[in-house]
Amino acid sequence: MVSEKFRYQLRQEVEQWQAEGLINQQLYETITHRYQFSALETSARNRFVMILLGLGSVLLGLAVITFVAANWQVWSRGVRVVLLLSLFVGVNTTRIPILSSSQSQFESSVLVRAQDCNLTRSQ
């Protein structure tokens, strides 16, 4: 796929060519359709929204970490245990799909290594 920077520059050039009379309307529309100039603004807007969502998520995560760190000594042992258990369950139930395959391979290799150590010690 052609990069967005190239498409943006090409759109400017094609508009200039049409204004100068170097290409006709039909060729302009063909190039516009082929390189999807209409989708440039949409993709830029979507990228901006994703950047804002990512930044907001990072800031929200930092706020939660700061809140927990500030109140850790004040909370009772039961509250801390419930918080840690809920964090443990939450992280394990919402695994990232990309990491799950490599993580399961890692878990398998750890289990195989543990079995290997047990077999070596028992002999």
PDB file of N, CA and C in Angstrom:
ATOM      1  N   MET A   1       0.839  -1.172   0.000  1.00  0.00           N
ATOM      2  CA  MET A   1       0.000   0.000   0.000  1.00  0.00           C
ATOM      3  C   MET A   1       0.889   1.242   0.000  1.00  0.00           C
ATOM      4  N   VAL A   2       0.429   2.240  -0.671  1.00  0.00           N
ATOM      5  CA  VAL A   2       1.164   3.491  -0.796  1.00  0.00           C
ATOM      6  C   VAL A   2       1.034   4.272   0.506  1.00  0.00           C
ATOM      7  N   SER A   3       2.105   4.930   0.928  1.00  0.00           N
ATOM      8  CA  SER A   3       2.086   5.659   2.190  1.00  0.00           C
ATOM      9  C   SER A   3       1.162   6.874   2.103  1.00  0.00           C
ATOM     10  N   GLU A   4       0.709   7.312   3.261  1.00  0.00           N
ATOM     11  CA  GLU A   4      -0.194   8.460   3.309  1.00  0.00           C
ATOM     12  C   GLU A   4       0.519   9.743   2.904  1.00  0.00           C
ATOM     13  N   LYS A   5       1.781   9.850   3.248  1.00  0.00           N
ATOM     14  CA  LYS A   5       2.541  11.040   2.881  1.00  0.00           C
ATOM     15  C   LYS A   5       2.615  11.166   1.357  1.00  0.00           C
ATOM     16  N   PHE A   6       2.883  10.049   0.682  1.00  0.00           N
ATOM     17  CA  PHE A   6       2.933  10.055  -0.780  1.00  0.00           C
ATOM     18  C   PHE A   6       1.575  10.425  -1.362  1.00  0.00           C
ATOM     19  N   ARG A   7       0.507   9.849  -0.814  1.00  0.00           N
ATOM     20  CA  ARG A   7      -0.840  10.142  -1.315  1.00  0.00           C
ATOM     21  C   ARG A   7      -1.204  11.614  -1.124  1.00  0.00           C
ATOM     22  N   TYR A   8      -0.813  12.176   0.004  1.00  0.00           N
ATOM     23  CA  TYR A   8      -1.086  13.586   0.260  1.00  0.00           C
ATOM     24  C   TYR A   8      -0.342  14.473  -0.736  1.00  0.00           C
ATOM     25  N   GLN A   9       0.935  14.174  -0.957  1.00  0.00           N
ATOM     26  CA  GLN A   9       1.715  14.956  -1.918  1.00  0.00           C
ATOM     27  C   GLN A   9       1.190  14.776  -3.341  1.00  0.00           C
ATOM     28  N   LEU A  10       0.797  13.538  -3.672  1.00  0.00           N
ATOM     29  CA  LEU A  10       0.272  13.274  -5.006  1.00  0.00           C
ATOM     30  C   LEU A  10      -1.038  14.027  -5.216  1.00  0.00           C
ATOM     31  N   ARG A  11      -1.873  14.094  -4.195  1.00  0.00           N
ATOM     32  CA  ARG A  11      -3.129  14.826  -4.319  1.00  0.00           C
ATOM     33  C   ARG A  11      -2.860  16.302  -4.617  1.00  0.00           C
ATOM     34  N   GLN A  12      -1.888  16.879  -3.933  1.00  0.00           N
ATOM     35  CA  GLN A  12      -1.541  18.276  -4.199  1.00  0.00           C
ATOM     36  C   GLN A  12      -1.034  18.462  -5.633  1.00  0.00           C
ATOM     37  N   GLU A  13      -0.193  17.536  -6.068  1.00  0.00           N
ATOM     38  CA  GLU A  13       0.351  17.623  -7.426  1.00  0.00           C
ATOM     39  C   GLU A  13      -0.748  17.468  -8.478  1.00  0.00           C
ATOM     40  N   VAL A  14      -1.638  16.503  -8.279  1.00  0.00           N
ATOM     41  CA  VAL A  14      -2.702  16.246  -9.245  1.00  0.00           C
ATOM     42  C   VAL A  14      -3.643  17.450  -9.333  1.00  0.00           C
ATOM     43  N   GLU A  15      -3.940  18.068  -8.193  1.00  0.00           N
ATOM     44  CA  GLU A  15      -4.787  19.268  -8.216  1.00  0.00           C
ATOM     45  C   GLU A  15      -4.087  20.397  -8.969  1.00  0.00           C
ATOM     46  N   GLN A  16      -2.775  20.500  -8.783  1.00  0.00           N
ATOM     47  CA  GLN A  16      -2.013  21.532  -9.499  1.00  0.00           C
ATOM     48  C   GLN A  16      -1.982  21.223 -10.994  1.00  0.00           C
ATOM     49  N   TRP A  17      -1.791  19.966 -11.375  1.00  0.00           N
ATOM     50  CA  TRP A  17      -1.772  19.576 -12.779  1.00  0.00           C
ATOM     51  C   TRP A  17      -3.106  19.891 -13.449  1.00  0.00           C
ATOM     52  N   GLN A  18      -4.189  19.626 -12.720  1.00  0.00           N
ATOM     53  CA  GLN A  18      -5.509  19.894 -13.295  1.00  0.00           C
ATOM     54  C   GLN A  18      -5.720  21.405 -13.450  1.00  0.00           C
ATOM     55  N   ALA A  19      -5.270  22.178 -12.475  1.00  0.00           N
ATOM     56  CA  ALA A  19      -5.415  23.631 -12.568  1.00  0.00           C
ATOM     57  C   ALA A  19      -4.586  24.193 -13.728  1.00  0.00           C
ATOM     58  N   GLU A  20      -3.449  23.595 -13.992  1.00  0.00           N
ATOM     59  CA  GLU A  20      -2.593  24.047 -15.091  1.00  0.00           C
ATOM     60  C   GLU A  20      -3.047  23.503 -16.443  1.00  0.00           C
ATOM     61  N   GLY A  21      -3.970  22.552 -16.447  1.00  0.00           N
ATOM     62  CA  GLY A  21      -4.478  21.999 -17.692  1.00  0.00           C
ATOM     63  C   GLY A  21      -3.646  20.864 -18.248  1.00  0.00           C
ATOM     64  N   LEU A  22      -2.753  20.302 -17.446  1.00  0.00           N
ATOM     65  CA  LEU A  22      -1.915  19.193 -17.913  1.00  0.00           C
ATOM     66  C   LEU A  22      -2.691  17.881 -18.002  1.00  0.00           C
ATOM     67  N   ILE A  23      -3.701  17.716 -17.150  1.00  0.00           N
ATOM     68  CA  ILE A  23      -4.540  16.511 -17.190  1.00  0.00           C
ATOM     69  C   ILE A  23      -5.998  16.942 -17.244  1.00  0.00           C
ATOM     70  N   ASN A  24      -6.826  16.074 -17.814  1.00  0.00           N
ATOM     71  CA  ASN A  24      -8.252  16.393 -17.899  1.00  0.00           C
ATOM     72  C   ASN A  24      -9.002  15.872 -16.665  1.00  0.00           C
ATOM     73  N   GLN A  25     -10.303  16.154 -16.611  1.00  0.00           N
ATOM     74  CA  GLN A  25     -11.134  15.785 -15.462  1.00  0.00           C
ATOM     75  C   GLN A  25     -11.218  14.272 -15.290  1.00  0.00           C
ATOM     76  N   GLN A  26     -11.300  13.540 -16.386  1.00  0.00           N
ATOM     77  CA  GLN A  26     -11.419  12.087 -16.320  1.00  0.00           C
ATOM     78  C   GLN A  26     -10.160  11.462 -15.712  1.00  0.00           C
ATOM     79  N   LEU A  27      -8.992  11.912 -16.125  1.00  0.00           N
ATOM     80  CA  LEU A  27      -7.739  11.391 -15.567  1.00  0.00           C
ATOM     81  C   LEU A  27      -7.612  11.777 -14.098  1.00  0.00           C
ATOM     82  N   TYR A  28      -8.045  12.997 -13.761  1.00  0.00           N
ATOM     83  CA  TYR A  28      -8.029  13.440 -12.360  1.00  0.00           C
ATOM     84  C   TYR A  28      -8.892  12.518 -11.494  1.00  0.00           C
ATOM     85  N   GLU A  29     -10.088  12.195 -11.962  1.00  0.00           N
ATOM     86  CA  GLU A  29     -10.990  11.311 -11.205  1.00  0.00           C
ATOM     87  C   GLU A  29     -10.437   9.893 -11.110  1.00  0.00           C
ATOM     88  N   THR A  30      -9.779   9.426 -12.172  1.00  0.00           N
ATOM     89  CA  THR A  30      -9.178   8.093 -12.160  1.00  0.00           C
ATOM     90  C   THR A  30      -8.071   8.012 -11.105  1.00  0.00           C
ATOM     91  N   ILE A  31      -7.209   9.014 -11.076  1.00  0.00           N
ATOM     92  CA  ILE A  31      -6.117   9.036 -10.091  1.00  0.00           C
ATOM     93  C   ILE A  31      -6.682   9.184  -8.684  1.00  0.00           C
ATOM     94  N   THR A  32      -7.696  10.042  -8.530  1.00  0.00           N
ATOM     95  CA  THR A  32      -8.329  10.239  -7.217  1.00  0.00           C
ATOM     96  C   THR A  32      -8.940   8.945  -6.704  1.00  0.00           C
ATOM     97  N   HIS A  33      -9.598   8.205  -7.591  1.00  0.00           N
ATOM     98  CA  HIS A  33     -10.200   6.931  -7.177  1.00  0.00           C
ATOM     99  C   HIS A  33      -9.133   5.881  -6.873  1.00  0.00           C
ATOM    100  N   ARG A  34      -8.103   5.819  -7.687  1.00  0.00           N
ATOM    101  CA  ARG A  34      -7.062   4.803  -7.498  1.00  0.00           C
ATOM    102  C   ARG A  34      -6.302   4.995  -6.183  1.00  0.00           C
ATOM    103  N   TYR A  35      -5.958   6.229  -5.852  1.00  0.00           N
ATOM    104  CA  TYR A  35      -5.173   6.497  -4.647  1.00  0.00           C
ATOM    105  C   TYR A  35      -6.026   6.906  -3.454  1.00  0.00           C
ATOM    106  N   GLN A  36      -7.335   6.881  -3.613  1.00  0.00           N
ATOM    107  CA  GLN A  36      -8.300   7.119  -2.535  1.00  0.00           C
ATOM    108  C   GLN A  36      -7.976   8.394  -1.749  1.00  0.00           C
ATOM    109  N   PHE A  37      -7.971   9.504  -2.453  1.00  0.00           N
ATOM    110  CA  PHE A  37      -7.691  10.790  -1.817  1.00  0.00           C
ATOM    111  C   PHE A  37      -8.761  11.164  -0.797  1.00  0.00           C
ATOM    112  N   SER A  38      -9.986  10.696  -1.006  1.00  0.00           N
ATOM    113  CA  SER A  38     -11.078  11.046  -0.086  1.00  0.00           C
ATOM    114  C   SER A  38     -10.877  10.438   1.301  1.00  0.00           C
ATOM    115  N   ALA A  39     -10.100   9.378   1.396  1.00  0.00           N
ATOM    116  CA  ALA A  39      -9.889   8.718   2.683  1.00  0.00           C
ATOM    117  C   ALA A  39      -8.744   9.324   3.488  1.00  0.00           C
ATOM    118  N   LEU A  40      -8.037  10.306   2.938  1.00  0.00           N
ATOM    119  CA  LEU A  40      -6.896  10.886   3.646  1.00  0.00           C
ATOM    120  C   LEU A  40      -7.317  11.608   4.921  1.00  0.00           C
ATOM    121  N   GLU A  41      -8.372  12.417   4.850  1.00  0.00           N
ATOM    122  CA  GLU A  41      -8.814  13.150   6.033  1.00  0.00           C
ATOM    123  C   GLU A  41      -9.362  12.209   7.095  1.00  0.00           C
ATOM    124  N   THR A  42     -10.087  11.184   6.652  1.00  0.00           N
ATOM    125  CA  THR A  42     -10.657  10.223   7.593  1.00  0.00           C
ATOM    126  C   THR A  42      -9.567   9.471   8.338  1.00  0.00           C
ATOM    127  N   SER A  43      -8.539   9.034   7.629  1.00  0.00           N
ATOM    128  CA  SER A  43      -7.462   8.288   8.295  1.00  0.00           C
ATOM    129  C   SER A  43      -6.675   9.183   9.243  1.00  0.00           C
ATOM    130  N   ALA A  44      -6.480  10.444   8.873  1.00  0.00           N
ATOM    131  CA  ALA A  44      -5.771  11.370   9.764  1.00  0.00           C
ATOM    132  C   ALA A  44      -6.597  11.627  11.022  1.00  0.00           C
ATOM    133  N   ARG A  45      -7.908  11.769  10.867  1.00  0.00           N
ATOM    134  CA  ARG A  45      -8.777  11.991  12.018  1.00  0.00           C
ATOM    135  C   ARG A  45      -8.799  10.757  12.919  1.00  0.00           C
ATOM    136  N   ASN A  46      -8.871   9.569  12.321  1.00  0.00           N
ATOM    137  CA  ASN A  46      -8.870   8.337  13.112  1.00  0.00           C
ATOM    138  C   ASN A  46      -7.555   8.161  13.868  1.00  0.00           C
ATOM    139  N   ARG A  47      -6.450   8.506  13.237  1.00  0.00           N
ATOM    140  CA  ARG A  47      -5.152   8.400  13.891  1.00  0.00           C
ATOM    141  C   ARG A  47      -5.068   9.367  15.080  1.00  0.00           C
ATOM    142  N   PHE A  48      -5.615  10.575  14.910  1.00  0.00           N
ATOM    143  CA  PHE A  48      -5.622  11.553  15.993  1.00  0.00           C
ATOM    144  C   PHE A  48      -6.461  11.057  17.164  1.00  0.00           C
ATOM    145  N   VAL A  49      -7.602  10.467  16.866  1.00  0.00           N
ATOM    146  CA  VAL A  49      -8.473   9.936  17.919  1.00  0.00           C
ATOM    147  C   VAL A  49      -7.771   8.793  18.653  1.00  0.00           C
ATOM    148  N   MET A  50      -7.089   7.931  17.927  1.00  0.00           N
ATOM    149  CA  MET A  50      -6.380   6.819  18.568  1.00  0.00           C
ATOM    150  C   MET A  50      -5.233   7.330  19.449  1.00  0.00           C
ATOM    151  N   ILE A  51      -4.556   8.374  19.009  1.00  0.00           N
ATOM    152  CA  ILE A  51      -3.492   8.954  19.833  1.00  0.00           C
ATOM    153  C   ILE A  51      -4.082   9.521  21.119  1.00  0.00           C
ATOM    154  N   LEU A  52      -5.210  10.226  21.007  1.00  0.00           N
ATOM    155  CA  LEU A  52      -5.853  10.773  22.202  1.00  0.00           C
ATOM    156  C   LEU A  52      -6.326   9.675  23.144  1.00  0.00           C
ATOM    157  N   LEU A  53      -6.902   8.606  22.600  1.00  0.00           N
ATOM    158  CA  LEU A  53      -7.342   7.493  23.441  1.00  0.00           C
ATOM    159  C   LEU A  53      -6.160   6.818  24.137  1.00  0.00           C
ATOM    160  N   GLY A  54      -5.070   6.639  23.413  1.00  0.00           N
ATOM    161  CA  GLY A  54      -3.884   6.043  24.018  1.00  0.00           C
ATOM    162  C   GLY A  54      -3.313   6.909  25.125  1.00  0.00           C
ATOM    163  N   LEU A  55      -3.220   8.198  24.873  1.00  0.00           N
ATOM    164  CA  LEU A  55      -2.716   9.125  25.879  1.00  0.00           C
ATOM    165  C   LEU A  55      -3.626   9.165  27.101  1.00  0.00           C
ATOM    166  N   GLY A  56      -4.938   9.173  26.852  1.00  0.00           N
ATOM    167  CA  GLY A  56      -5.890   9.149  27.968  1.00  0.00           C
ATOM    168  C   GLY A  56      -5.779   7.878  28.786  1.00  0.00           C
ATOM    169  N   SER A  57      -5.582   6.755  28.129  1.00  0.00           N
ATOM    170  CA  SER A  57      -5.436   5.481  28.845  1.00  0.00           C
ATOM    171  C   SER A  57      -4.184   5.468  29.706  1.00  0.00           C
ATOM    172  N   VAL A  58      -3.102   5.982  29.168  1.00  0.00           N
ATOM    173  CA  VAL A  58      -1.852   6.037  29.945  1.00  0.00           C
ATOM    174  C   VAL A  58      -2.024   6.939  31.157  1.00  0.00           C
ATOM    175  N   LEU A  59      -2.633   8.092  30.973  1.00  0.00           N
ATOM    176  CA  LEU A  59      -2.833   9.016  32.087  1.00  0.00           C
ATOM    177  C   LEU A  59      -3.782   8.433  33.135  1.00  0.00           C
ATOM    178  N   LEU A  60      -4.837   7.756  32.689  1.00  0.00           N
ATOM    179  CA  LEU A  60      -5.762   7.118  33.632  1.00  0.00           C
ATOM    180  C   LEU A  60      -5.053   6.011  34.409  1.00  0.00           C
ATOM    181  N   GLY A  61      -4.233   5.224  33.738  1.00  0.00           N
ATOM    182  CA  GLY A  61      -3.464   4.183  34.416  1.00  0.00           C
ATOM    183  C   GLY A  61      -2.509   4.757  35.445  1.00  0.00           C
ATOM    184  N   LEU A  62      -1.839   5.846  35.097  1.00  0.00           N
ATOM    185  CA  LEU A  62      -0.944   6.497  36.058  1.00  0.00           C
ATOM    186  C   LEU A  62      -1.705   7.059  37.251  1.00  0.00           C
ATOM    187  N   ALA A  63      -2.903   7.568  37.010  1.00  0.00           N
ATOM    188  CA  ALA A  63      -3.721   8.089  38.103  1.00  0.00           C
ATOM    189  C   ALA A  63      -4.127   6.974  39.063  1.00  0.00           C
ATOM    190  N   VAL A  64      -4.512   5.825  38.518  1.00  0.00           N
ATOM    191  CA  VAL A  64      -4.894   4.689  39.369  1.00  0.00           C
ATOM    192  C   VAL A  64      -3.693   4.201  40.173  1.00  0.00           C
ATOM    193  N   ILE A  65      -2.545   4.078  39.525  1.00  0.00           N
ATOM    194  CA  ILE A  65      -1.334   3.644  40.232  1.00  0.00           C
ATOM    195  C   ILE A  65      -0.973   4.621  41.338  1.00  0.00           C
ATOM    196  N   THR A  66      -1.070   5.906  41.060  1.00  0.00           N
ATOM    197  CA  THR A  66      -0.759   6.922  42.066  1.00  0.00           C
ATOM    198  C   THR A  66      -1.729   6.866  43.235  1.00  0.00           C
ATOM    199  N   PHE A  67      -3.018   6.676  42.931  1.00  0.00           N
ATOM    200  CA  PHE A  67      -4.024   6.589  43.991  1.00  0.00           C
ATOM    201  C   PHE A  67      -3.768   5.390  44.903  1.00  0.00           C
ATOM    202  N   VAL A  68      -3.487   4.251  44.294  1.00  0.00           N
ATOM    203  CA  VAL A  68      -3.232   3.039  45.087  1.00  0.00           C
ATOM    204  C   VAL A  68      -1.953   3.204  45.907  1.00  0.00           C
ATOM    205  N   ALA A  69      -0.915   3.763  45.305  1.00  0.00           N
ATOM    206  CA  ALA A  69       0.350   3.943  46.027  1.00  0.00           C
ATOM    207  C   ALA A  69       0.204   4.914  47.196  1.00  0.00           C
ATOM    208  N   ALA A  70      -0.618   5.945  47.020  1.00  0.00           N
ATOM    209  CA  ALA A  70      -0.795   6.930  48.078  1.00  0.00           C
ATOM    210  C   ALA A  70      -1.594   6.367  49.249  1.00  0.00           C
ATOM    211  N   ASN A  71      -2.488   5.433  48.977  1.00  0.00           N
ATOM    212  CA  ASN A  71      -3.364   4.910  50.027  1.00  0.00           C
ATOM    213  C   ASN A  71      -2.989   3.509  50.503  1.00  0.00           C
ATOM    214  N   TRP A  72      -1.916   2.951  50.025  1.00  0.00           N
ATOM    215  CA  TRP A  72      -1.557   1.568  50.329  1.00  0.00           C
ATOM    216  C   TRP A  72      -1.377   1.337  51.832  1.00  0.00           C
ATOM    217  N   GLN A  73      -0.699   2.224  52.506  1.00  0.00           N
ATOM    218  CA  GLN A  73      -0.440   2.061  53.943  1.00  0.00           C
ATOM    219  C   GLN A  73      -1.701   2.250  54.780  1.00  0.00           C
ATOM    220  N   VAL A  74      -2.650   3.011  54.278  1.00  0.00           N
ATOM    221  CA  VAL A  74      -3.864   3.310  55.033  1.00  0.00           C
ATOM    222  C   VAL A  74      -4.859   2.158  54.971  1.00  0.00           C
ATOM    223  N   TRP A  75      -4.904   1.451  53.854  1.00  0.00           N
ATOM    224  CA  TRP A  75      -5.881   0.391  53.669  1.00  0.00           C
ATOM    225  C   TRP A  75      -5.548  -0.810  54.551  1.00  0.00           C
ATOM    226  N   SER A  76      -6.610  -1.496  54.956  1.00  0.00           N
ATOM    227  CA  SER A  76      -6.415  -2.696  55.781  1.00  0.00           C
ATOM    228  C   SER A  76      -5.861  -3.836  54.919  1.00  0.00           C
ATOM    229  N   ARG A  77      -5.422  -4.876  55.580  1.00  0.00           N
ATOM    230  CA  ARG A  77      -4.846  -6.022  54.880  1.00  0.00           C
ATOM    231  C   ARG A  77      -5.877  -6.680  53.968  1.00  0.00           C
ATOM    232  N   GLY A  78      -7.125  -6.764  54.415  1.00  0.00           N
ATOM    233  CA  GLY A  78      -8.180  -7.377  53.597  1.00  0.00           C
ATOM    234  C   GLY A  78      -8.429  -6.619  52.302  1.00  0.00           C
ATOM    235  N   VAL A  79      -8.445  -5.292  52.376  1.00  0.00           N
ATOM    236  CA  VAL A  79      -8.648  -4.485  51.169  1.00  0.00           C
ATOM    237  C   VAL A  79      -7.493  -4.691  50.198  1.00  0.00           C
ATOM    238  N   ARG A  80      -6.281  -4.753  50.716  1.00  0.00           N
ATOM    239  CA  ARG A  80      -5.118  -4.959  49.840  1.00  0.00           C
ATOM    240  C   ARG A  80      -5.166  -6.328  49.178  1.00  0.00           C
ATOM    241  N   VAL A  81      -5.574  -7.362  49.932  1.00  0.00           N
ATOM    242  CA  VAL A  81      -5.662  -8.710  49.360  1.00  0.00           C
ATOM    243  C   VAL A  81      -6.725  -8.749  48.274  1.00  0.00           C
ATOM    244  N   VAL A  82      -7.881  -8.146  48.541  1.00  0.00           N
ATOM    245  CA  VAL A  82      -8.951  -8.128  47.541  1.00  0.00           C
ATOM    246  C   VAL A  82      -8.493  -7.364  46.295  1.00  0.00           C
ATOM    247  N   LEU A  83      -7.810  -6.261  46.480  1.00  0.00           N
ATOM    248  CA  LEU A  83      -7.303  -5.483  45.348  1.00  0.00           C
ATOM    249  C   LEU A  83      -6.303  -6.293  44.522  1.00  0.00           C
ATOM    250  N   LEU A  84      -5.374  -6.948  45.181  1.00  0.00           N
ATOM    251  CA  LEU A  84      -4.377  -7.742  44.454  1.00  0.00           C
ATOM    252  C   LEU A  84      -5.002  -8.945  43.764  1.00  0.00           C
ATOM    253  N   LEU A  85      -5.945  -9.613  44.409  1.00  0.00           N
ATOM    254  CA  LEU A  85      -6.611 -10.761  43.774  1.00  0.00           C
ATOM    255  C   LEU A  85      -7.444 -10.321  42.576  1.00  0.00           C
ATOM    256  N   SER A  86      -8.156  -9.196  42.704  1.00  0.00           N
ATOM    257  CA  SER A  86      -8.948  -8.719  41.570  1.00  0.00           C
ATOM    258  C   SER A  86      -8.039  -8.290  40.415  1.00  0.00           C
ATOM    259  N   LEU A  87      -6.901  -7.698  40.726  1.00  0.00           N
ATOM    260  CA  LEU A  87      -5.936  -7.345  39.694  1.00  0.00           C
ATOM    261  C   LEU A  87      -5.401  -8.601  39.009  1.00  0.00           C
ATOM    262  N   PHE A  88      -5.085  -9.614  39.792  1.00  0.00           N
ATOM    263  CA  PHE A  88      -4.581 -10.874  39.248  1.00  0.00           C
ATOM    264  C   PHE A  88      -5.615 -11.526  38.323  1.00  0.00           C
ATOM    265  N   VAL A  89      -6.859 -11.613  38.781  1.00  0.00           N
ATOM    266  CA  VAL A  89      -7.920 -12.227  37.979  1.00  0.00           C
ATOM    267  C   VAL A  89      -8.191 -11.391  36.730  1.00  0.00           C
ATOM    268  N   GLY A  90      -8.215 -10.069  36.876  1.00  0.00           N
ATOM    269  CA  GLY A  90      -8.475  -9.195  35.733  1.00  0.00           C
ATOM    270  C   GLY A  90      -7.420  -9.303  34.657  1.00  0.00           C
ATOM    271  N   VAL A  91      -6.169  -9.336  35.053  1.00  0.00           N
ATOM    272  CA  VAL A  91      -5.081  -9.431  34.072  1.00  0.00           C
ATOM    273  C   VAL A  91      -5.108 -10.789  33.381  1.00  0.00           C
ATOM    274  N   ASN A  92      -5.380 -11.845  34.127  1.00  0.00           N
ATOM    275  CA  ASN A  92      -5.369 -13.179  33.528  1.00  0.00           C
ATOM    276  C   ASN A  92      -6.586 -13.453  32.651  1.00  0.00           C
ATOM    277  N   THR A  93      -7.702 -12.782  32.896  1.00  0.00           N
ATOM    278  CA  THR A  93      -8.882 -13.005  32.054  1.00  0.00           C
ATOM    279  C   THR A  93      -8.878 -12.122  30.814  1.00  0.00           C
ATOM    280  N   THR A  94      -8.137 -11.035  30.831  1.00  0.00           N
ATOM    281  CA  THR A  94      -8.093 -10.149  29.662  1.00  0.00           C
ATOM    282  C   THR A  94      -6.712 -10.169  29.039  1.00  0.00           C
ATOM    283  N   ARG A  95      -6.240 -11.345  28.693  1.00  0.00           N
ATOM    284  CA  ARG A  95      -4.943 -11.481  28.050  1.00  0.00           C
ATOM    285  C   ARG A  95      -4.956 -10.815  26.687  1.00  0.00           C
ATOM    286  N   ILE A  96      -3.817 -10.284  26.296  1.00  0.00           N
ATOM    287  CA  ILE A  96      -3.674  -9.707  24.967  1.00  0.00           C
ATOM    288  C   ILE A  96      -3.493 -10.867  23.998  1.00  0.00           C
ATOM    289  N   PRO A  97      -4.330 -10.943  22.942  1.00  0.00           N
ATOM    290  CA  PRO A  97      -4.247 -12.083  22.016  1.00  0.00           C
ATOM    291  C   PRO A  97      -2.875 -12.256  21.373  1.00  0.00           C
ATOM    292  N   ILE A  98      -2.172 -11.170  21.108  1.00  0.00           N
ATOM    293  CA  ILE A  98      -0.859 -11.275  20.466  1.00  0.00           C
ATOM    294  C   ILE A  98       0.123 -11.986  21.395  1.00  0.00           C
ATOM    295  N   LEU A  99       0.030 -11.674  22.674  1.00  0.00           N
ATOM    296  CA  LEU A  99       0.972 -12.248  23.618  1.00  0.00           C
ATOM    297  C   LEU A  99       0.579 -13.648  24.071  1.00  0.00           C
ATOM    298  N   SER A 100      -0.685 -14.024  23.892  1.00  0.00           N
ATOM    299  CA  SER A 100      -1.138 -15.297  24.442  1.00  0.00           C
ATOM    300  C   SER A 100      -0.416 -16.484  23.811  1.00  0.00           C
ATOM    301  N   SER A 101      -0.139 -16.425  22.509  1.00  0.00           N
ATOM    302  CA  SER A 101       0.540 -17.563  21.885  1.00  0.00           C
ATOM    303  C   SER A 101       1.981 -17.656  22.375  1.00  0.00           C
ATOM    304  N   SER A 102       2.677 -16.530  22.448  1.00  0.00           N
ATOM    305  CA  SER A 102       4.060 -16.582  22.930  1.00  0.00           C
ATOM    306  C   SER A 102       4.107 -16.891  24.412  1.00  0.00           C
ATOM    307  N   GLN A 103       3.082 -16.421  25.153  1.00  0.00           N
ATOM    308  CA  GLN A 103       3.044 -16.702  26.581  1.00  0.00           C
ATOM    309  C   GLN A 103       2.771 -18.181  26.823  1.00  0.00           C
ATOM    310  N   SER A 104       1.868 -18.777  26.032  1.00  0.00           N
ATOM    311  CA  SER A 104       1.604 -20.204  26.221  1.00  0.00           C
ATOM    312  C   SER A 104       2.835 -21.027  25.852  1.00  0.00           C
ATOM    313  N   GLN A 105       3.596 -20.592  24.855  1.00  0.00           N
ATOM    314  CA  GLN A 105       4.830 -21.284  24.520  1.00  0.00           C
ATOM    315  C   GLN A 105       5.828 -21.166  25.666  1.00  0.00           C
ATOM    316  N   PHE A 106       5.885 -19.979  26.282  1.00  0.00           N
ATOM    317  CA  PHE A 106       6.763 -19.772  27.420  1.00  0.00           C
ATOM    318  C   PHE A 106       6.342 -20.660  28.583  1.00  0.00           C
ATOM    319  N   GLU A 107       5.016 -20.693  28.853  1.00  0.00           N
ATOM    320  CA  GLU A 107       4.516 -21.532  29.940  1.00  0.00           C
ATOM    321  C   GLU A 107       4.842 -23.000  29.686  1.00  0.00           C
ATOM    322  N   SER A 108       4.685 -23.443  28.443  1.00  0.00           N
ATOM    323  CA  SER A 108       4.988 -24.829  28.104  1.00  0.00           C
ATOM    324  C   SER A 108       6.461 -25.139  28.311  1.00  0.00           C
ATOM    325  N   SER A 109       7.316 -24.213  27.897  1.00  0.00           N
ATOM    326  CA  SER A 109       8.745 -24.462  28.063  1.00  0.00           C
ATOM    327  C   SER A 109       9.131 -24.481  29.540  1.00  0.00           C
ATOM    328  N   VAL A 110       8.479 -23.641  30.363  1.00  0.00           N
ATOM    329  CA  VAL A 110       8.759 -23.647  31.799  1.00  0.00           C
ATOM    330  C   VAL A 110       8.313 -24.970  32.409  1.00  0.00           C
ATOM    331  N   LEU A 111       7.129 -25.457  32.006  1.00  0.00           N
ATOM    332  CA  LEU A 111       6.639 -26.728  32.539  1.00  0.00           C
ATOM    333  C   LEU A 111       7.540 -27.895  32.132  1.00  0.00           C
ATOM    334  N   VAL A 112       7.985 -27.882  30.887  1.00  0.00           N
ATOM    335  CA  VAL A 112       8.880 -28.949  30.425  1.00  0.00           C
ATOM    336  C   VAL A 112      10.187 -28.901  31.207  1.00  0.00           C
ATOM    337  N   ARG A 113      10.699 -27.701  31.426  1.00  0.00           N
ATOM    338  CA  ARG A 113      11.950 -27.556  32.179  1.00  0.00           C
ATOM    339  C   ARG A 113      11.769 -28.011  33.627  1.00  0.00           C
ATOM    340  N   ALA A 114      10.612 -27.679  34.210  1.00  0.00           N
ATOM    341  CA  ALA A 114      10.345 -28.106  35.589  1.00  0.00           C
ATOM    342  C   ALA A 114      10.251 -29.625  35.675  1.00  0.00           C
ATOM    343  N   GLN A 115       9.608 -30.252  34.697  1.00  0.00           N
ATOM    344  CA  GLN A 115       9.532 -31.710  34.684  1.00  0.00           C
ATOM    345  C   GLN A 115      10.923 -32.307  34.528  1.00  0.00           C
ATOM    346  N   ASP A 116      11.722 -31.697  33.682  1.00  0.00           N
ATOM    347  CA  ASP A 116      13.078 -32.173  33.461  1.00  0.00           C
ATOM    348  C   ASP A 116      13.891 -32.122  34.761  1.00  0.00           C
ATOM    349  N   CYS A 117      13.728 -31.043  35.503  1.00  0.00           N
ATOM    350  CA  CYS A 117      14.448 -30.910  36.782  1.00  0.00           C
ATOM    351  C   CYS A 117      13.970 -31.962  37.775  1.00  0.00           C
ATOM    352  N   ASN A 118      12.662 -32.207  37.810  1.00  0.00           N
ATOM    353  CA  ASN A 118      12.130 -33.217  38.740  1.00  0.00           C
ATOM    354  C   ASN A 118      12.613 -34.605  38.379  1.00  0.00           C
ATOM    355  N   LEU A 119      12.682 -34.921  37.089  1.00  0.00           N
ATOM    356  CA  LEU A 119      13.165 -36.234  36.672  1.00  0.00           C
ATOM    357  C   LEU A 119      14.637 -36.395  37.024  1.00  0.00           C
ATOM    358  N   THR A 120      15.404 -35.332  36.861  1.00  0.00           N
ATOM    359  CA  THR A 120      16.834 -35.399  37.152  1.00  0.00           C
ATOM    360  C   THR A 120      17.070 -35.591  38.649  1.00  0.00           C
ATOM    361  N   ARG A 121      16.305 -34.906  39.476  1.00  0.00           N
ATOM    362  CA  ARG A 121      16.482 -35.028  40.934  1.00  0.00           C
ATOM    363  C   ARG A 121      16.017 -36.375  41.466  1.00  0.00           C
ATOM    364  N   SER A 122      14.966 -36.929  40.882  1.00  0.00           N
ATOM    365  CA  SER A 122      14.436 -38.183  41.403  1.00  0.00           C
ATOM    366  C   SER A 122      15.310 -39.376  41.030  1.00  0.00           C
ATOM    367  N   GLN A 123      16.150 -39.250  40.055  1.00  0.00           N
ATOM    368  CA  GLN A 123      16.972 -40.393  39.623  1.00  0.00           C
ATOM    369  C   GLN A 123      18.207 -40.538  40.419  1.00  0.00           C
TER     370      GLN A 123
END
